[in-house]
Protein backbone atom coordinates (compact mmCIF):
# COMPACT_ATOMS: atom_id res chain seq x y z
CA MET A 1 4.55 11.77 26.49
CA LEU A 2 4.89 13.47 23.08
CA TYR A 3 1.92 11.51 21.72
CA GLN A 4 -0.26 12.64 24.63
CA ILE A 5 0.84 16.26 24.15
CA TYR A 6 -0.03 16.03 20.46
CA GLU A 7 -3.48 14.60 21.19
CA THR A 8 -4.15 17.27 23.82
CA GLN A 9 -3.18 20.00 21.39
CA ARG A 10 -5.37 18.47 18.67
CA ALA A 11 -8.33 18.31 21.04
CA MET A 12 -7.83 21.96 22.02
CA MET A 13 -7.66 23.02 18.36
CA GLU A 14 -10.79 21.12 17.35
CA PRO A 15 -13.29 23.92 18.23
CA PHE A 16 -11.26 26.42 16.20
CA VAL A 17 -11.09 24.01 13.26
CA ASP A 18 -14.87 23.54 13.38
CA PHE A 19 -15.31 27.32 13.57
CA ALA A 20 -13.09 27.81 10.52
CA LYS A 21 -15.13 25.25 8.55
CA ALA A 22 -18.44 26.86 9.47
CA THR A 23 -17.23 30.41 8.80
CA SER A 24 -15.86 29.45 5.40
CA LYS A 25 -19.20 27.91 4.41
CA VAL A 26 -21.20 30.92 5.61
CA LEU A 27 -19.00 33.47 3.83
CA GLY A 28 -18.68 31.37 0.70
CA ASN A 29 -22.37 30.61 0.34
CA ALA A 30 -23.40 31.61 -3.19
CA LYS A 31 -26.73 32.91 -1.90
CA SER A 32 -25.04 35.34 0.47
CA PRO A 33 -25.18 38.98 -0.73
CA PHE A 34 -21.53 39.32 0.28
CA SER A 35 -20.21 36.21 -1.53
CA GLN A 36 -19.08 38.20 -4.59
CA ASN A 37 -17.11 40.71 -2.55
CA PRO A 38 -13.37 40.13 -3.24
CA LEU A 39 -12.44 40.68 0.41
CA VAL A 40 -15.09 38.26 1.64
CA GLN A 41 -13.92 35.68 -0.90
CA ARG A 42 -10.36 35.92 0.38
CA VAL A 43 -11.48 35.62 4.01
CA SER A 44 -13.64 32.60 3.13
CA ALA A 45 -10.72 30.96 1.29
CA GLY A 46 -8.45 31.67 4.25
CA TYR A 47 -10.81 29.97 6.69
CA ASP A 48 -11.20 27.00 4.33
CA LEU A 49 -7.44 26.60 4.15
CA MET A 50 -7.21 26.92 7.96
CA TYR A 51 -9.77 24.12 8.27
CA ARG A 52 -7.90 21.89 5.83
CA LEU A 53 -4.59 22.41 7.65
CA GLY A 54 -6.05 21.77 11.09
CA LYS A 55 -8.63 19.00 10.58
CA ASP A 56 -8.14 15.38 11.58
CA TYR A 57 -7.85 13.14 8.52
CA LEU A 58 -9.52 9.76 8.92
CA LYS A 59 -8.94 6.58 6.94
CA PRO A 60 -10.24 7.16 3.37
CA GLU A 61 -12.48 4.71 1.54
CA PHE A 62 -11.57 2.96 -1.68
CA GLY A 63 -14.90 4.09 -3.08
CA ILE A 64 -14.65 1.96 -6.23
CA GLN A 65 -18.29 1.47 -7.23
CA THR A 66 -17.94 0.30 -10.84
CA VAL A 67 -15.29 -0.44 -13.46
CA LYS A 68 -15.62 -0.86 -17.19
CA VAL A 69 -14.72 -4.29 -18.55
CA GLY A 70 -14.73 -3.95 -22.32
CA GLU A 71 -17.96 -2.08 -23.04
CA THR A 72 -19.77 -3.33 -19.93
CA GLU A 73 -20.05 -1.45 -16.64
CA VAL A 74 -19.35 -3.93 -13.86
CA THR A 75 -20.45 -3.39 -10.25
CA ILE A 76 -17.81 -3.70 -7.50
CA HIS A 77 -18.54 -5.02 -4.02
CA GLU A 78 -15.76 -4.58 -1.46
CA ARG A 79 -15.67 -7.17 1.30
CA ILE A 80 -13.32 -8.59 3.92
CA GLU A 81 -12.33 -12.19 3.18
CA VAL A 82 -9.75 -12.76 5.93
CA LYS A 83 -9.72 -10.76 9.14
CA LYS A 84 -6.49 -10.61 11.15
CA PRO A 85 -5.59 -8.47 14.20
CA PHE A 86 -3.32 -6.15 12.21
CA CYS A 87 -4.60 -6.59 8.65
CA ASP A 88 -7.68 -7.49 6.64
CA LEU A 89 -7.57 -9.20 3.26
CA ILE A 90 -10.05 -7.33 1.07
CA ARG A 91 -11.60 -8.71 -2.08
CA PHE A 92 -13.17 -6.54 -4.76
CA LYS A 93 -15.91 -8.82 -6.06
CA ARG A 94 -17.21 -8.01 -9.54
CA TYR A 95 -20.87 -8.46 -10.54
CA THR A 96 -22.62 -8.29 -13.90
CA ASP A 97 -25.76 -9.64 -15.57
CA ASP A 98 -24.06 -9.81 -18.97
CA VAL A 99 -23.35 -13.49 -19.67
CA GLU A 100 -20.42 -12.91 -22.02
CA THR A 101 -18.75 -10.48 -19.63
CA LEU A 102 -19.28 -12.85 -16.69
CA SER A 103 -17.60 -15.65 -18.62
CA GLN A 104 -14.71 -13.29 -19.37
CA LEU A 105 -14.38 -12.31 -15.70
CA LYS A 106 -14.23 -15.91 -14.53
CA GLY A 107 -11.29 -16.68 -16.78
CA GLN A 108 -9.17 -13.73 -15.64
CA PRO A 109 -6.14 -14.11 -13.33
CA ALA A 110 -6.41 -13.63 -9.57
CA VAL A 111 -3.97 -11.04 -8.21
CA LEU A 112 -3.03 -10.36 -4.59
CA ILE A 113 -1.81 -6.78 -4.19
CA VAL A 114 0.31 -6.36 -1.08
CA ALA A 115 -0.01 -2.72 -0.04
CA PRO A 116 2.68 -0.86 1.91
CA LEU A 117 2.65 -0.65 5.69
CA SER A 118 4.75 2.50 5.79
CA GLY A 119 2.56 5.34 6.99
CA HIS A 120 -0.36 5.57 4.60
CA TYR A 121 -3.42 3.37 4.23
CA ALA A 122 -3.90 0.82 1.46
CA THR A 123 -6.26 3.29 -0.22
CA LEU A 124 -3.13 4.98 -1.54
CA LEU A 125 -3.31 2.22 -4.18
CA ARG A 126 -6.88 3.06 -5.18
CA ASP A 127 -5.85 3.82 -8.77
CA THR A 128 -3.81 0.61 -8.87
CA VAL A 129 -6.81 -1.45 -7.80
CA ALA A 130 -9.30 0.29 -10.09
CA THR A 131 -7.05 -0.26 -13.11
CA MET A 132 -6.27 -3.89 -12.26
CA LEU A 133 -9.96 -4.71 -11.80
CA LYS A 134 -10.57 -4.35 -15.53
CA ASP A 135 -8.60 -7.50 -16.28
CA HIS A 136 -8.09 -9.33 -12.96
CA LYS A 137 -9.71 -10.69 -9.83
CA VAL A 138 -8.22 -8.38 -7.20
CA TYR A 139 -7.39 -8.81 -3.52
CA ILE A 140 -5.46 -6.33 -1.37
CA THR A 141 -3.94 -6.23 2.11
CA ASP A 142 -5.59 -3.54 4.22
CA TRP A 143 -3.17 -2.87 7.10
CA LYS A 144 -4.70 -1.51 10.28
CA ASN A 145 -3.76 1.54 12.32
CA ALA A 146 -1.80 0.07 15.26
CA ARG A 147 -3.39 2.51 17.70
CA THR A 148 -6.73 0.76 17.12
CA VAL A 149 -5.37 -2.72 17.95
CA PRO A 150 -5.74 -3.61 21.67
CA LEU A 151 -2.71 -4.88 23.54
CA SER A 152 -4.60 -8.13 24.10
CA GLU A 153 -4.03 -8.94 20.40
CA GLY A 154 -0.32 -9.31 21.10
CA GLU A 155 2.73 -7.94 19.32
CA PHE A 156 3.33 -7.47 15.63
CA HIS A 157 6.76 -8.17 14.18
CA LEU A 158 8.25 -8.19 10.70
CA ASP A 159 8.07 -12.00 10.94
CA ASP A 160 4.30 -11.69 11.47
CA TYR A 161 4.06 -9.56 8.33
CA VAL A 162 5.80 -12.30 6.34
CA ASN A 163 3.52 -14.96 7.82
CA TYR A 164 0.42 -12.87 7.04
CA VAL A 165 1.48 -12.63 3.39
CA GLN A 166 1.94 -16.39 3.15
CA GLU A 167 -1.50 -16.99 4.67
CA PHE A 168 -3.11 -14.58 2.20
CA ILE A 169 -1.33 -16.21 -0.75
CA ARG A 170 -2.57 -19.64 0.37
CA HIS A 171 -6.09 -18.29 0.76
CA VAL A 172 -6.20 -17.05 -2.84
CA GLN A 173 -4.48 -20.20 -4.10
CA ALA A 174 -7.13 -22.31 -2.38
CA LYS A 175 -9.83 -20.55 -4.42
CA TYR A 176 -8.17 -20.54 -7.82
CA GLY A 177 -5.38 -23.12 -7.74
CA ASN A 178 -2.78 -20.36 -7.85
CA CYS A 179 -2.46 -16.61 -8.11
CA HIS A 180 -0.20 -13.71 -9.01
CA VAL A 181 1.28 -11.34 -6.43
CA MET A 182 2.04 -7.64 -6.80
CA SER A 183 3.96 -5.73 -4.12
CA VAL A 184 4.37 -1.96 -4.12
CA CYS A 185 7.29 -0.25 -2.34
CA GLN A 186 7.90 -1.44 1.24
CA PRO A 187 6.34 -4.93 0.92
CA THR A 188 8.67 -6.04 -1.88
CA VAL A 189 11.11 -7.24 0.80
CA PRO A 190 8.72 -9.24 3.04
CA VAL A 191 6.85 -10.57 -0.02
CA LEU A 192 10.08 -11.90 -1.50
CA ALA A 193 10.85 -13.46 1.89
CA ALA A 194 7.38 -15.02 2.10
CA VAL A 195 7.58 -16.61 -1.34
CA SER A 196 11.17 -17.73 -0.75
CA LEU A 197 10.15 -19.59 2.41
CA MET A 198 7.24 -21.22 0.59
CA ALA A 199 9.61 -22.37 -2.15
CA THR A 200 12.12 -23.76 0.35
CA ARG A 201 9.35 -25.79 2.03
CA GLY A 202 8.21 -27.20 -1.31
CA GLU A 203 4.93 -25.30 -1.40
CA ILE A 204 3.48 -23.97 -4.63
CA THR A 205 4.61 -20.42 -5.19
CA PRO A 206 2.61 -17.75 -7.06
CA LEU A 207 2.63 -17.88 -10.84
CA SER A 208 4.26 -14.46 -11.00
CA LEU A 209 5.74 -11.81 -8.72
CA THR A 210 5.53 -8.14 -9.70
CA MET A 211 7.73 -5.95 -7.51
CA MET A 212 7.43 -2.19 -7.87
CA GLY A 213 9.66 0.53 -6.43
CA GLY A 214 10.91 -1.37 -3.38
CA PRO A 215 14.14 -1.42 -1.33
CA ILE A 216 15.26 -4.96 -2.15
CA ASP A 217 18.86 -3.68 -1.92
CA ALA A 218 18.79 -0.25 -0.26
CA ARG A 219 22.56 0.11 -0.68
CA LEU A 220 22.11 0.93 -4.36
CA SER A 221 21.49 4.58 -5.31
CA PRO A 222 20.45 5.51 -1.75
CA THR A 223 17.82 8.23 -1.46
CA ALA A 224 17.18 10.69 1.35
CA VAL A 225 14.80 8.17 2.90
CA ASN A 226 17.44 5.43 2.74
CA ASN A 227 20.15 7.70 4.13
CA LEU A 228 18.11 8.57 7.21
CA ALA A 229 17.52 4.90 7.98
CA MET A 230 21.12 3.89 7.23
CA ASN A 231 23.02 6.75 8.87
CA LYS A 232 21.19 7.00 12.19
CA PRO A 233 22.06 4.36 14.82
CA PHE A 234 19.31 1.90 15.74
CA SER A 235 19.13 3.42 19.22
CA TRP A 236 18.21 6.80 17.69
CA PHE A 237 14.99 5.38 16.27
CA GLU A 238 14.14 3.65 19.54
CA ASN A 239 14.66 6.84 21.53
CA ASN A 240 13.23 9.45 19.17
CA VAL A 241 10.28 8.09 17.19
CA ILE A 242 8.70 5.42 19.39
CA TYR A 243 5.88 6.39 21.78
CA LYS A 244 3.00 4.74 23.58
CA VAL A 245 -0.57 5.15 22.33
CA PRO A 246 -2.59 7.45 24.66
CA ALA A 247 -5.50 6.17 26.76
CA ASN A 248 -8.21 7.52 24.45
CA PHE A 249 -7.54 4.85 21.79
CA GLU A 250 -8.27 1.11 21.72
CA GLY A 251 -4.57 0.36 21.45
CA ALA A 252 -3.70 2.32 24.60
CA GLY A 253 -0.23 1.45 25.83
CA ARG A 254 0.98 -0.08 22.55
CA ARG A 255 4.40 1.13 21.44
CA VAL A 256 4.15 2.70 17.98
CA TYR A 257 5.78 4.98 15.47
CA PRO A 258 2.98 7.60 15.44
CA GLY A 259 1.40 8.66 12.18
CA PHE A 260 1.72 12.36 12.97
CA LEU A 261 5.50 12.02 13.21
CA GLN A 262 5.61 10.15 9.93
CA HIS A 263 3.50 12.84 8.29
CA SER A 264 5.93 15.50 9.49
CA GLY A 265 8.71 13.56 7.82
CA PHE A 266 6.78 13.26 4.56
CA VAL A 267 6.18 17.02 4.44
CA ALA A 268 9.78 17.81 5.41
CA MET A 269 11.03 16.01 2.31
CA ASN A 270 9.45 18.61 -0.01
CA PRO A 271 8.25 21.55 2.12
CA GLN A 272 8.32 24.07 -0.72
CA ASN A 273 6.13 21.88 -2.93
CA HIS A 274 3.50 21.60 -0.20
CA ARG A 275 3.66 25.32 0.53
CA ASN A 276 3.11 26.11 -3.14
CA SER A 277 0.29 23.58 -3.39
CA HIS A 278 -1.61 25.14 -0.49
CA PHE A 279 -1.07 28.65 -1.87
CA ASP A 280 -2.43 27.50 -5.25
CA TYR A 281 -5.41 25.98 -3.48
CA PHE A 282 -6.10 29.34 -1.76
CA ASN A 283 -6.01 31.14 -5.12
CA ASP A 284 -8.18 28.49 -6.81
CA LEU A 285 -10.82 28.96 -4.12
CA ILE A 286 -10.87 32.70 -4.80
CA LYS A 287 -11.07 32.16 -8.58
CA GLY A 288 -13.78 29.53 -8.23
CA ASP A 289 -11.71 26.89 -10.02
CA ASN A 290 -13.72 23.97 -8.62
CA SER A 291 -11.86 21.32 -10.61
CA SER A 292 -8.45 22.27 -9.20
CA VAL A 293 -9.92 22.72 -5.72
CA GLU A 294 -11.41 19.23 -5.75
CA SER A 295 -8.19 17.73 -7.10
CA HIS A 296 -6.23 19.30 -4.23
CA ARG A 297 -8.71 18.04 -1.65
CA LYS A 298 -8.66 14.49 -2.97
CA PHE A 299 -4.88 14.36 -2.95
CA TYR A 300 -4.46 15.70 0.57
CA ASP A 301 -7.38 13.70 1.97
CA GLU A 302 -5.23 10.69 1.08
CA TYR A 303 -1.79 12.15 1.77
CA ASN A 304 -2.70 13.50 5.21
CA ALA A 305 -4.41 10.30 6.36
CA VAL A 306 -1.68 8.39 8.18
CA LEU A 307 -1.57 5.41 10.52
CA ASP A 308 0.58 4.36 13.47
CA MET A 309 2.96 1.45 12.92
CA ASP A 310 3.68 -1.09 15.64
CA ALA A 311 7.12 -0.34 17.09
CA ASP A 312 8.46 -3.90 16.85
CA TYR A 313 7.57 -4.14 13.16
CA TYR A 314 8.99 -0.71 12.34
CA LEU A 315 12.28 -1.12 14.22
CA GLU A 316 12.86 -4.60 12.81
CA THR A 317 12.27 -3.27 9.30
CA ILE A 318 14.85 -0.53 9.86
CA ALA A 319 17.41 -3.06 11.07
CA THR A 320 16.66 -5.83 8.55
CA VAL A 321 16.21 -3.79 5.38
CA PHE A 322 18.22 -0.59 5.82
CA GLN A 323 21.02 -1.36 8.27
CA ASP A 324 21.92 -5.05 8.20
CA PHE A 325 20.70 -5.72 4.63
CA LYS A 326 19.83 -9.26 5.71
CA LEU A 327 17.97 -10.17 2.53
CA VAL A 328 20.85 -9.43 0.14
CA ASN A 329 23.45 -10.73 2.60
CA GLY A 330 21.61 -14.04 2.99
CA THR A 331 21.42 -13.74 6.78
CA TRP A 332 17.68 -13.27 7.32
CA ASP A 333 15.89 -15.81 9.49
CA VAL A 334 12.10 -15.56 9.85
CA LYS A 335 10.17 -17.27 12.62
CA ASN A 336 7.32 -19.39 11.31
CA LEU A 337 3.97 -19.87 13.06
CA GLU A 338 5.55 -22.48 15.33
CA GLY A 339 8.24 -20.01 16.38
CA LYS A 340 11.03 -21.82 14.54
CA PRO A 341 13.50 -19.71 12.50
CA GLU A 342 13.73 -20.39 8.77
CA ARG A 343 16.40 -18.94 6.50
CA VAL A 344 15.19 -16.77 3.60
CA LYS A 345 16.69 -18.10 0.35
CA PRO A 346 15.32 -16.36 -2.76
CA ALA A 347 17.38 -18.64 -5.00
CA ASP A 348 15.01 -21.46 -4.04
CA ILE A 349 12.21 -19.85 -6.06
CA LYS A 350 12.05 -21.79 -9.33
CA THR A 351 8.57 -21.66 -10.82
CA SER A 352 7.42 -18.06 -10.25
CA ALA A 353 8.03 -15.48 -12.96
CA LEU A 354 9.53 -12.17 -11.82
CA LEU A 355 8.81 -8.63 -13.03
CA THR A 356 10.51 -5.65 -11.40
CA VAL A 357 9.36 -2.08 -12.03
CA GLU A 358 11.21 1.15 -11.22
CA GLY A 359 10.50 4.81 -11.86
CA GLU A 360 13.17 6.80 -13.64
CA LEU A 361 12.75 9.70 -11.17
CA ASP A 362 11.94 7.72 -8.02
CA ASP A 363 13.26 9.63 -5.01
CA ILE A 364 12.17 7.04 -2.43
CA SER A 365 13.50 3.75 -3.84
CA GLY A 366 16.57 4.55 -5.91
CA SER A 367 17.59 3.14 -9.27
CA GLY A 368 18.55 -0.54 -9.14
CA GLN A 369 17.13 -1.22 -5.68
CA THR A 370 14.16 -3.22 -6.99
CA GLN A 371 15.99 -4.70 -9.96
CA ALA A 372 18.37 -6.31 -7.46
CA ALA A 373 15.71 -9.01 -6.95
CA HIS A 374 16.86 -10.63 -10.20
CA ASP A 375 20.32 -11.36 -8.80
CA LEU A 376 18.79 -12.88 -5.67
CA CYS A 377 16.27 -15.00 -7.59
CA SER A 378 18.90 -16.85 -9.60
CA GLY A 379 16.78 -20.01 -9.60
CA ILE A 380 14.21 -18.38 -11.88
CA ALA A 381 15.00 -18.90 -15.57
CA LYS A 382 16.03 -15.73 -17.40
CA SER A 383 13.16 -16.25 -19.82
CA LYS A 384 10.77 -15.76 -16.89
CA ARG A 385 12.40 -12.58 -15.58
CA GLN A 386 11.80 -9.03 -16.81
CA HIS A 387 12.63 -5.49 -15.71
CA PHE A 388 10.85 -2.28 -16.70
CA GLU A 389 11.79 1.33 -16.06
CA ALA A 390 8.98 3.89 -16.35
CA LYS A 391 10.39 6.98 -18.06
CA GLY A 392 9.60 10.26 -16.34
CA ALA A 393 7.85 8.51 -13.43
CA GLY A 394 8.53 9.27 -9.79
CA HIS A 395 7.72 6.92 -6.95
CA TYR A 396 3.95 7.45 -6.97
CA GLY A 397 3.85 7.53 -10.76
CA ILE A 398 4.63 3.82 -11.08
CA PHE A 399 1.38 2.81 -9.35
CA SER A 400 -0.93 5.81 -9.68
CA GLY A 401 -1.83 8.37 -12.32
CA ARG A 402 -1.32 8.67 -16.04
CA ARG A 403 2.13 7.03 -16.23
CA TRP A 404 0.89 4.05 -14.24
CA ARG A 405 -2.10 3.59 -16.52
CA GLU A 406 -0.33 4.27 -19.82
CA GLN A 407 3.23 2.98 -19.26
CA VAL A 408 3.37 0.57 -16.34
CA TYR A 409 0.02 -1.21 -16.36
CA PRO A 410 0.28 -2.51 -19.96
CA GLN A 411 3.62 -4.11 -18.97
CA VAL A 412 2.16 -5.63 -15.80
CA GLN A 413 -0.96 -6.90 -17.56
CA ALA A 414 1.01 -8.51 -20.38
CA PHE A 415 3.48 -10.12 -17.97
CA ILE A 416 0.78 -11.63 -15.78
CA LEU A 417 -1.13 -12.93 -18.80
CA ALA A 418 2.04 -14.43 -20.31
CA HIS A 419 2.65 -16.46 -17.15
CA HIS A 420 -0.92 -17.30 -16.23
CA VAL A 421 -2.10 -20.89 -16.00
CA ALA A 422 -5.88 -21.05 -16.10
CA PRO A 423 -7.62 -23.50 -13.75
CA LYS A 424 -9.46 -26.48 -15.17
CA ALA A 425 -13.12 -26.16 -16.08
CA ASP A 426 -14.15 -27.93 -12.84
CA GLY A 427 -12.39 -25.23 -10.82
CA LYS A 428 -9.65 -27.55 -9.53
CA PRO A 429 -6.06 -26.29 -9.64
CA VAL A 430 -3.74 -27.36 -12.40
CA LEU A 431 -0.87 -27.70 -9.93
CA LYS A 432 -0.85 -29.83 -6.82
CA ALA A 433 -0.04 -28.16 -3.55
CA ASP A 434 1.27 -29.36 -0.23
CA THR A 435 -2.05 -30.11 1.47
CA LYS A 436 -0.52 -29.51 4.87
CA ALA A 437 0.25 -25.93 3.97
CA VAL A 438 -2.47 -25.05 1.48
CA ALA A 439 -6.22 -25.36 1.96
CA LYS A 440 -8.25 -27.29 -0.62
CA PRO A 441 -9.71 -25.14 -3.41
CA LYS A 442 -13.43 -24.53 -3.64
CA ALA A 443 -15.33 -26.17 -6.46
CA LYS A 444 -16.77 -23.09 -8.16
CA LEU A 445 -15.04 -20.26 -9.89
CA LYS A 446 -15.91 -16.73 -8.94
CA ALA A 447 -15.19 -13.46 -10.64
């Protein structure tokens, strides 16, 4: 019922939001004889802010058109390689006419970035992708808004998430013989489970695993986010945050954790910061500081764009990761595609290298939570394991912004390169895979 009330209220507010947008543009038009009047400027800024606070934020685009590889500008084409009901695997294909650069691109490692399914879209990792594209073939999981998935597509569980990740890994392996995997925040847990299950079955596992700011062991240095999930009973989440999608969406009737509730929680974590940010935006509009205005808009276009999560997936994540700690307790069973439970045993991983990354000031995944993966992955030789703490970085700083580009990325790039095994010249993989589990690789290399 709450979801329907929210949608009704949003629909009723839409004309006023449109009016605020139009009024702001009219009053702020530089050709208007009143545009230089201080009072008119303040009124225009007020209507602009009203529009920004009331508008509906849609899924952003990655919008990565080109990247610079060395001294060459390389064109980026974004395309869907694998389409699933709840997620698409996106590839960022790189094109260039420069022969030397093309040869360089073909020899670079393939990396699967597993984006979070925790409220925001995969575009939150836009800076991560753009930076990685300079030195890697890049794929990313693009999780779908559950309210757009019809009930006919079935349910989506945490087990399905793990199985999706394995399928995507095999897809990239089939092209290049093997790959590297990077997981940011929430997916560190299901990614570790996916690779563990592959190792237990005797499948080839990725050459390296990079895990950044994730709740591998949420008991360590618990944050406000962890405390909410750990201190509320499971029934509280079922009764207070789960609602059915209204009839005006494709996923009508699906039980979800609505995006608007998640967004309220995000804002409630730092209300004063958001209040100050919007006040600064109002003043920047009046001053005509276009650079700061555009920076604010870009940030909140991303921050305010949220998606619904399927209820089964969300509730199972709460129970598995934050209440029962099944991964670290060794009690997690995941159902495979045949519906048979398989025990998650990270110690079975032998051949993948492991890099964990944490932010010194991370207030979402506390200190030591990601590093705990090293204790679980005892089968990986110490020489193939590494931990890095980004000084002065918060949660977002480890995968976006200056600290990501200057501190974290050089570590990630060097680690991947140190553990990369290039395919043979004929494009065939160096390692042999279980042909029952992994598709045969294609004959030609692609950038």
